[in-house]
Amino acid sequence: MKKGFYKSISTVLALLVLVSTFSFTVDKHYCGSFLVDMAVFSNATSCGMDMSSGMDMSSHSGTDVMDKDNCCSNQNISVAGQDELNISFDSMDFDQQVFIAAFTFSFNNLFEGLPQLVIPYKNYTPPLIVKDIPVLNDTFLI
């Protein structure tokens, strides 16, 4: 029980360190207000409607579709992870160090099991009572 608990806590803490240092980028391509493509760790593919995609503007002069601004947009969401994990106990004052030491000691002793109570007559049945001997030996004053 105790070893399994320690293993699960250490696994959770290792995953917490991994997630806190992990950074990634999400790239989204919108055409108007509709999401066309979304990519993690790479660039989103374009829908081909970009003004910068090499379309010839001279043949479409005067149309309402081409006179508008570019309808496509790209959105980049970057999540930056933590770079440094240097935790030093030198920056902690004496009260914090005493608290951590007391907490660690009490947490380790929290899961210490109680000694098992040994009952020697647990598996034996009591003897059958033929006569109620205490009542036979009692004296009743009336």
C-alpha atoms as a PDB file:
ATOM      1  CA  MET A   1       0.000   0.000   0.000  1.00  0.00           C
ATOM      2  CA  LYS A   2       2.714   2.432   1.025  1.00  0.00           C
ATOM      3  CA  LYS A   3       5.016   1.595  -1.896  1.00  0.00           C
ATOM      4  CA  GLY A   4       2.163   1.826  -4.395  1.00  0.00           C
ATOM      5  CA  PHE A   5       1.166   5.217  -3.009  1.00  0.00           C
ATOM      6  CA  TYR A   6       4.742   6.500  -3.283  1.00  0.00           C
ATOM      7  CA  LYS A   7       5.030   5.212  -6.852  1.00  0.00           C
ATOM      8  CA  SER A   8       1.776   6.877  -7.897  1.00  0.00           C
ATOM      9  CA  ILE A   9       2.739  10.193  -6.273  1.00  0.00           C
ATOM     10  CA  SER A  10       6.189  10.142  -7.902  1.00  0.00           C
ATOM     11  CA  THR A  11       4.614   9.396 -11.296  1.00  0.00           C
ATOM     12  CA  VAL A  12       2.199  12.310 -10.919  1.00  0.00           C
ATOM     13  CA  LEU A  13       5.023  14.655  -9.925  1.00  0.00           C
ATOM     14  CA  ALA A  14       7.181  13.519 -12.864  1.00  0.00           C
ATOM     15  CA  LEU A  15       4.292  14.177 -15.249  1.00  0.00           C
ATOM     16  CA  LEU A  16       3.771  17.594 -13.661  1.00  0.00           C
ATOM     17  CA  VAL A  17       7.414  18.510 -14.312  1.00  0.00           C
ATOM     18  CA  LEU A  18       7.140  17.210 -17.882  1.00  0.00           C
ATOM     19  CA  VAL A  19       3.974  19.186 -18.614  1.00  0.00           C
ATOM     20  CA  SER A  20       5.316  22.390 -17.051  1.00  0.00           C
ATOM     21  CA  THR A  21       8.419  22.336 -19.280  1.00  0.00           C
ATOM     22  CA  PHE A  22       6.559  21.321 -22.442  1.00  0.00           C
ATOM     23  CA  SER A  23       5.928  24.055 -25.049  1.00  0.00           C
ATOM     24  CA  PHE A  24       3.936  23.828 -28.277  1.00  0.00           C
ATOM     25  CA  THR A  25       2.291  25.931 -30.994  1.00  0.00           C
ATOM     26  CA  VAL A  26      -1.191  25.588 -32.449  1.00  0.00           C
ATOM     27  CA  ASP A  27      -1.638  27.102 -35.919  1.00  0.00           C
ATOM     28  CA  LYS A  28      -5.193  27.794 -37.195  1.00  0.00           C
ATOM     29  CA  HIS A  29      -6.248  28.914 -40.673  1.00  0.00           C
ATOM     30  CA  TYR A  30      -9.590  30.700 -41.011  1.00  0.00           C
ATOM     31  CA  CYS A  31     -11.329  31.477 -44.262  1.00  0.00           C
ATOM     32  CA  GLY A  32     -13.780  34.203 -43.299  1.00  0.00           C
ATOM     33  CA  SER A  33     -15.194  33.046 -39.988  1.00  0.00           C
ATOM     34  CA  PHE A  34     -14.869  29.312 -40.685  1.00  0.00           C
ATOM     35  CA  LEU A  35     -11.995  27.229 -39.381  1.00  0.00           C
ATOM     36  CA  VAL A  36     -10.416  25.485 -42.370  1.00  0.00           C
ATOM     37  CA  ASP A  37      -7.370  23.778 -40.844  1.00  0.00           C
ATOM     38  CA  MET A  38      -5.716  23.404 -37.475  1.00  0.00           C
ATOM     39  CA  ALA A  39      -2.248  21.972 -36.877  1.00  0.00           C
ATOM     40  CA  VAL A  40      -0.143  21.349 -33.812  1.00  0.00           C
ATOM     41  CA  PHE A  41       3.684  21.557 -34.156  1.00  0.00           C
ATOM     42  CA  SER A  42       3.408  22.519 -37.868  1.00  0.00           C
ATOM     43  CA  ASN A  43       1.867  25.121 -40.178  1.00  0.00           C
ATOM     44  CA  ALA A  44      -1.807  24.882 -41.097  1.00  0.00           C
ATOM     45  CA  THR A  45      -2.512  24.329 -44.785  1.00  0.00           C
ATOM     46  CA  SER A  46      -4.067  27.199 -46.668  1.00  0.00           C
ATOM     47  CA  CYS A  47      -7.437  26.973 -48.401  1.00  0.00           C
ATOM     48  CA  GLY A  48      -6.068  28.586 -51.580  1.00  0.00           C
ATOM     49  CA  MET A  49      -8.053  31.813 -51.199  1.00  0.00           C
ATOM     50  CA  ASP A  50      -5.120  33.891 -49.925  1.00  0.00           C
ATOM     51  CA  MET A  51      -4.352  37.074 -51.823  1.00  0.00           C
ATOM     52  CA  SER A  52      -0.684  36.233 -51.521  1.00  0.00           C
ATOM     53  CA  SER A  53      -1.129  32.787 -53.065  1.00  0.00           C
ATOM     54  CA  GLY A  54      -0.109  34.009 -56.528  1.00  0.00           C
ATOM     55  CA  MET A  55      -3.512  34.785 -58.067  1.00  0.00           C
ATOM     56  CA  ASP A  56      -3.479  37.229 -60.991  1.00  0.00           C
ATOM     57  CA  MET A  57      -5.361  40.387 -59.957  1.00  0.00           C
ATOM     58  CA  SER A  58      -5.277  42.097 -63.379  1.00  0.00           C
ATOM     59  CA  SER A  59      -7.902  39.846 -64.971  1.00  0.00           C
ATOM     60  CA  HIS A  60     -10.477  40.356 -62.188  1.00  0.00           C
ATOM     61  CA  SER A  61     -10.587  44.124 -61.965  1.00  0.00           C
ATOM     62  CA  GLY A  62     -13.864  45.612 -60.810  1.00  0.00           C
ATOM     63  CA  THR A  63     -15.396  42.562 -59.129  1.00  0.00           C
ATOM     64  CA  ASP A  64     -16.667  42.850 -55.576  1.00  0.00           C
ATOM     65  CA  VAL A  65     -14.990  39.638 -54.439  1.00  0.00           C
ATOM     66  CA  MET A  66     -11.471  40.743 -55.298  1.00  0.00           C
ATOM     67  CA  ASP A  67     -11.921  44.355 -54.151  1.00  0.00           C
ATOM     68  CA  LYS A  68     -12.426  43.230 -50.564  1.00  0.00           C
ATOM     69  CA  ASP A  69      -9.500  42.735 -48.236  1.00  0.00           C
ATOM     70  CA  ASN A  70      -8.087  39.269 -47.761  1.00  0.00           C
ATOM     71  CA  CYS A  71     -10.784  37.015 -46.290  1.00  0.00           C
ATOM     72  CA  CYS A  72      -8.320  34.469 -44.923  1.00  0.00           C
ATOM     73  CA  SER A  73      -6.432  34.795 -41.671  1.00  0.00           C
ATOM     74  CA  ASN A  74      -3.963  32.748 -39.691  1.00  0.00           C
ATOM     75  CA  GLN A  75      -3.947  32.508 -35.923  1.00  0.00           C
ATOM     76  CA  ASN A  76      -0.968  31.203 -33.945  1.00  0.00           C
ATOM     77  CA  ILE A  77      -1.309  30.180 -30.311  1.00  0.00           C
ATOM     78  CA  SER A  78       1.996  29.514 -28.593  1.00  0.00           C
ATOM     79  CA  VAL A  79       2.264  27.984 -25.139  1.00  0.00           C
ATOM     80  CA  ALA A  80       5.733  28.481 -23.743  1.00  0.00           C
ATOM     81  CA  GLY A  81       6.940  26.092 -21.079  1.00  0.00           C
ATOM     82  CA  GLN A  82       9.148  26.835 -18.135  1.00  0.00           C
ATOM     83  CA  ASP A  83      12.844  26.981 -19.012  1.00  0.00           C
ATOM     84  CA  GLU A  84      14.518  26.762 -15.626  1.00  0.00           C
ATOM     85  CA  LEU A  85      13.752  24.272 -12.887  1.00  0.00           C
ATOM     86  CA  ASN A  86      16.458  25.288 -10.425  1.00  0.00           C
ATOM     87  CA  ILE A  87      14.854  25.171  -7.020  1.00  0.00           C
ATOM     88  CA  SER A  88      17.318  26.040  -4.304  1.00  0.00           C
ATOM     89  CA  PHE A  89      16.740  25.696  -0.598  1.00  0.00           C
ATOM     90  CA  ASP A  90      19.161  28.550   0.044  1.00  0.00           C
ATOM     91  CA  SER A  91      16.510  31.111  -0.845  1.00  0.00           C
ATOM     92  CA  MET A  92      14.147  29.758   1.823  1.00  0.00           C
ATOM     93  CA  ASP A  93      14.272  31.233   5.301  1.00  0.00           C
ATOM     94  CA  PHE A  94      14.622  29.136   8.447  1.00  0.00           C
ATOM     95  CA  ASP A  95      10.879  29.006   9.223  1.00  0.00           C
ATOM     96  CA  GLN A  96      10.079  27.564   5.792  1.00  0.00           C
ATOM     97  CA  GLN A  97      12.811  24.939   6.125  1.00  0.00           C
ATOM     98  CA  VAL A  98      11.489  23.900   9.552  1.00  0.00           C
ATOM     99  CA  PHE A  99       7.963  23.656   8.152  1.00  0.00           C
ATOM    100  CA  ILE A 100       9.070  21.456   5.240  1.00  0.00           C
ATOM    101  CA  ALA A 101      11.071  19.181   7.538  1.00  0.00           C
ATOM    102  CA  ALA A 102       8.157  18.823   9.986  1.00  0.00           C
ATOM    103  CA  PHE A 103       5.658  18.241   7.178  1.00  0.00           C
ATOM    104  CA  THR A 104       7.850  15.561   5.573  1.00  0.00           C
ATOM    105  CA  PHE A 105       8.368  13.761   8.885  1.00  0.00           C
ATOM    106  CA  SER A 106       4.657  13.824   9.784  1.00  0.00           C
ATOM    107  CA  PHE A 107       3.602  12.792   6.259  1.00  0.00           C
ATOM    108  CA  ASN A 108       5.943   9.777   6.307  1.00  0.00           C
ATOM    109  CA  ASN A 109       4.641   8.673   9.711  1.00  0.00           C
ATOM    110  CA  LEU A 110       1.025   9.251   8.698  1.00  0.00           C
ATOM    111  CA  PHE A 111       0.824   5.999   6.760  1.00  0.00           C
ATOM    112  CA  GLU A 112       2.597   3.836   9.319  1.00  0.00           C
ATOM    113  CA  GLY A 113       0.367   0.881  10.130  1.00  0.00           C
ATOM    114  CA  LEU A 114      -0.884   0.047  13.588  1.00  0.00           C
ATOM    115  CA  PRO A 115       0.421  -3.135  15.250  1.00  0.00           C
ATOM    116  CA  GLN A 116      -1.909  -6.042  14.748  1.00  0.00           C
ATOM    117  CA  LEU A 117      -3.849  -7.036  17.848  1.00  0.00           C
ATOM    118  CA  VAL A 118      -3.420 -10.784  18.480  1.00  0.00           C
ATOM    119  CA  ILE A 119      -6.491 -12.513  19.926  1.00  0.00           C
ATOM    120  CA  PRO A 120      -5.517 -16.063  20.962  1.00  0.00           C
ATOM    121  CA  TYR A 121      -9.081 -17.408  21.363  1.00  0.00           C
ATOM    122  CA  LYS A 122     -10.503 -15.939  18.140  1.00  0.00           C
ATOM    123  CA  ASN A 123     -10.882 -19.311  16.364  1.00  0.00           C
ATOM    124  CA  TYR A 124     -12.350 -21.221  19.334  1.00  0.00           C
ATOM    125  CA  THR A 125     -16.015 -21.471  20.273  1.00  0.00           C
ATOM    126  CA  PRO A 126     -17.050 -20.956  23.912  1.00  0.00           C
ATOM    127  CA  PRO A 127     -18.130 -24.020  25.942  1.00  0.00           C
ATOM    128  CA  LEU A 128     -21.801 -24.941  26.183  1.00  0.00           C
ATOM    129  CA  ILE A 129     -23.502 -23.827  29.394  1.00  0.00           C
ATOM    130  CA  VAL A 130     -25.342 -26.684  31.118  1.00  0.00           C
ATOM    131  CA  LYS A 131     -26.326 -24.856  34.291  1.00  0.00           C
ATOM    132  CA  ASP A 132     -26.100 -21.178  35.155  1.00  0.00           C
ATOM    133  CA  ILE A 133     -23.461 -21.539  37.909  1.00  0.00           C
ATOM    134  CA  PRO A 134     -23.362 -17.884  39.070  1.00  0.00           C
ATOM    135  CA  VAL A 135     -27.126 -17.941  39.700  1.00  0.00           C
ATOM    136  CA  LEU A 136     -26.868 -21.227  41.619  1.00  0.00           C
ATOM    137  CA  ASN A 137     -24.203 -19.777  43.940  1.00  0.00           C
ATOM    138  CA  ASP A 138     -25.950 -16.471  44.589  1.00  0.00           C
ATOM    139  CA  THR A 139     -27.876 -15.757  47.775  1.00  0.00           C
ATOM    140  CA  PHE A 140     -31.041 -13.726  47.391  1.00  0.00           C
ATOM    141  CA  LEU A 141     -32.493 -11.831  50.352  1.00  0.00           C
ATOM    142  CA  ILE A 142     -36.252 -11.514  50.220  1.00  0.00           C
END
